[in-house]
C-alpha atoms as a PDB file:
ATOM      1  CA  MET A   1     -64.075  26.976  68.338  1.00  0.00           C
ATOM      2  CA  LYS A   2     -65.819  26.595  64.998  1.00  0.00           C
ATOM      3  CA  ARG A   3     -68.688  28.761  66.131  1.00  0.00           C
ATOM      4  CA  ILE A   4     -66.355  31.539  67.308  1.00  0.00           C
ATOM      5  CA  LEU A   5     -64.478  31.509  64.003  1.00  0.00           C
ATOM      6  CA  ARG A   6     -67.723  31.663  62.084  1.00  0.00           C
ATOM      7  CA  ILE A   7     -68.998  34.598  64.163  1.00  0.00           C
ATOM      8  CA  ILE A   8     -65.736  36.502  63.707  1.00  0.00           C
ATOM      9  CA  SER A   9     -65.777  35.969  59.952  1.00  0.00           C
ATOM     10  CA  VAL A  10     -69.382  37.134  59.636  1.00  0.00           C
ATOM     11  CA  PHE A  11     -68.779  40.223  61.775  1.00  0.00           C
ATOM     12  CA  SER A  12     -65.638  41.138  59.871  1.00  0.00           C
ATOM     13  CA  ILE A  13     -67.385  40.979  56.510  1.00  0.00           C
ATOM     14  CA  LEU A  14     -70.324  42.987  57.881  1.00  0.00           C
ATOM     15  CA  ILE A  15     -67.983  45.678  59.212  1.00  0.00           C
ATOM     16  CA  PHE A  16     -66.249  45.727  55.827  1.00  0.00           C
ATOM     17  CA  LEU A  17     -69.580  46.249  54.094  1.00  0.00           C
ATOM     18  CA  ILE A  18     -70.530  49.045  56.499  1.00  0.00           C
ATOM     19  CA  LEU A  19     -67.198  50.766  55.865  1.00  0.00           C
ATOM     20  CA  PHE A  20     -67.507  50.272  52.113  1.00  0.00           C
ATOM     21  CA  ILE A  21     -71.036  51.644  51.920  1.00  0.00           C
ATOM     22  CA  GLY A  22     -70.099  54.473  54.291  1.00  0.00           C
ATOM     23  CA  SER A  23     -67.207  55.465  52.050  1.00  0.00           C
ATOM     24  CA  ARG A  24     -69.588  55.755  49.097  1.00  0.00           C
ATOM     25  CA  ILE A  25     -72.208  57.763  50.980  1.00  0.00           C
ATOM     26  CA  THR A  26     -70.232  60.077  53.282  1.00  0.00           C
ATOM     27  CA  LYS A  27     -66.859  61.751  53.408  1.00  0.00           C
ATOM     28  CA  ILE A  28     -66.094  60.846  57.040  1.00  0.00           C
ATOM     29  CA  GLU A  29     -62.427  59.934  57.509  1.00  0.00           C
ATOM     30  CA  ILE A  30     -62.979  56.529  59.150  1.00  0.00           C
ATOM     31  CA  PHE A  31     -65.031  55.290  56.188  1.00  0.00           C
ATOM     32  CA  ASN A  32     -62.409  56.334  53.639  1.00  0.00           C
ATOM     33  CA  ASN A  33     -59.624  54.309  55.261  1.00  0.00           C
ATOM     34  CA  VAL A  34     -58.834  51.597  52.696  1.00  0.00           C
ATOM     35  CA  ASP A  35     -56.299  49.910  54.970  1.00  0.00           C
ATOM     36  CA  LEU A  36     -58.933  49.351  57.635  1.00  0.00           C
ATOM     37  CA  ARG A  37     -61.254  47.747  55.096  1.00  0.00           C
ATOM     38  CA  ASN A  38     -58.441  45.513  53.863  1.00  0.00           C
ATOM     39  CA  ILE A  39     -57.709  44.373  57.416  1.00  0.00           C
ATOM     40  CA  PHE A  40     -61.303  43.218  57.809  1.00  0.00           C
ATOM     41  CA  VAL A  41     -61.124  41.328  54.535  1.00  0.00           C
ATOM     42  CA  LEU A  42     -57.951  39.587  55.733  1.00  0.00           C
ATOM     43  CA  ILE A  43     -59.609  38.728  59.044  1.00  0.00           C
ATOM     44  CA  TYR A  44     -62.511  37.241  57.117  1.00  0.00           C
ATOM     45  CA  LEU A  45     -60.235  35.180  54.871  1.00  0.00           C
ATOM     46  CA  ILE A  46     -58.087  33.859  57.725  1.00  0.00           C
ATOM     47  CA  THR A  47     -60.992  32.926  59.982  1.00  0.00           C
ATOM     48  CA  SER A  48     -62.827  31.269  57.101  1.00  0.00           C
ATOM     49  CA  LEU A  49     -59.721  29.275  56.253  1.00  0.00           C
ATOM     50  CA  TYR A  50     -59.363  27.999  59.822  1.00  0.00           C
ATOM     51  CA  TYR A  51     -63.094  27.275  60.029  1.00  0.00           C
ATOM     52  CA  TYR A  52     -63.064  25.127  56.911  1.00  0.00           C
ATOM     53  CA  LYS A  53     -59.842  23.433  58.012  1.00  0.00           C
ATOM     54  CA  ILE A  54     -61.433  22.389  61.313  1.00  0.00           C
ATOM     55  CA  ASP A  55     -64.633  21.389  59.523  1.00  0.00           C
ATOM     56  CA  SER A  56     -62.688  19.225  57.093  1.00  0.00           C
ATOM     57  CA  LYS A  57     -60.819  17.474  59.920  1.00  0.00           C
ATOM     58  CA  GLU A  58     -64.090  16.722  61.696  1.00  0.00           C
ATOM     59  CA  LYS A  59     -65.649  15.333  58.532  1.00  0.00           C
ATOM     60  CA  ASN A  60     -62.603  13.158  57.839  1.00  0.00           C
ATOM     61  CA  ALA A  61     -62.738  11.803  61.385  1.00  0.00           C
ATOM     62  CA  GLU A  62     -66.429  10.981  60.972  1.00  0.00           C
ATOM     63  CA  ILE A  63     -65.741   9.226  57.662  1.00  0.00           C
ATOM     64  CA  GLN A  64     -62.994   7.141  59.251  1.00  0.00           C
ATOM     65  CA  LYS A  65     -65.289   6.228  62.140  1.00  0.00           C
ATOM     66  CA  LEU A  66     -68.018   5.114  59.746  1.00  0.00           C
ATOM     67  CA  LYS A  67     -65.532   3.118  57.673  1.00  0.00           C
ATOM     68  CA  THR A  68     -64.381   1.219  60.754  1.00  0.00           C
ATOM     69  CA  LYS A  69     -68.019   0.481  61.648  1.00  0.00           C
ATOM     70  CA  LEU A  70     -68.592  -0.909  58.169  1.00  0.00           C
ATOM     71  CA  LYS A  71     -65.529  -3.150  58.377  1.00  0.00           C
ATOM     72  CA  LYS A  72     -66.712  -4.552  61.722  1.00  0.00           C
ATOM     73  CA  GLN A  73     -70.092  -5.544  60.282  1.00  0.00           C
END
């Protein structure tokens, strides 16, 4: 799940950059759509948030596991 979220966030920011650079270089309608660029930024923010939330839970679980091992020794 973490890997999928990370891939989605990277692709969304890359698509945003392509649209942003395209809007500066050309006058094609799809590149000048600000709403579309904002959607990709939101996708990036949401997927990054969930990724770091899952990552934090996994790290906390590992810390708790190591603490219990220390108490046993």
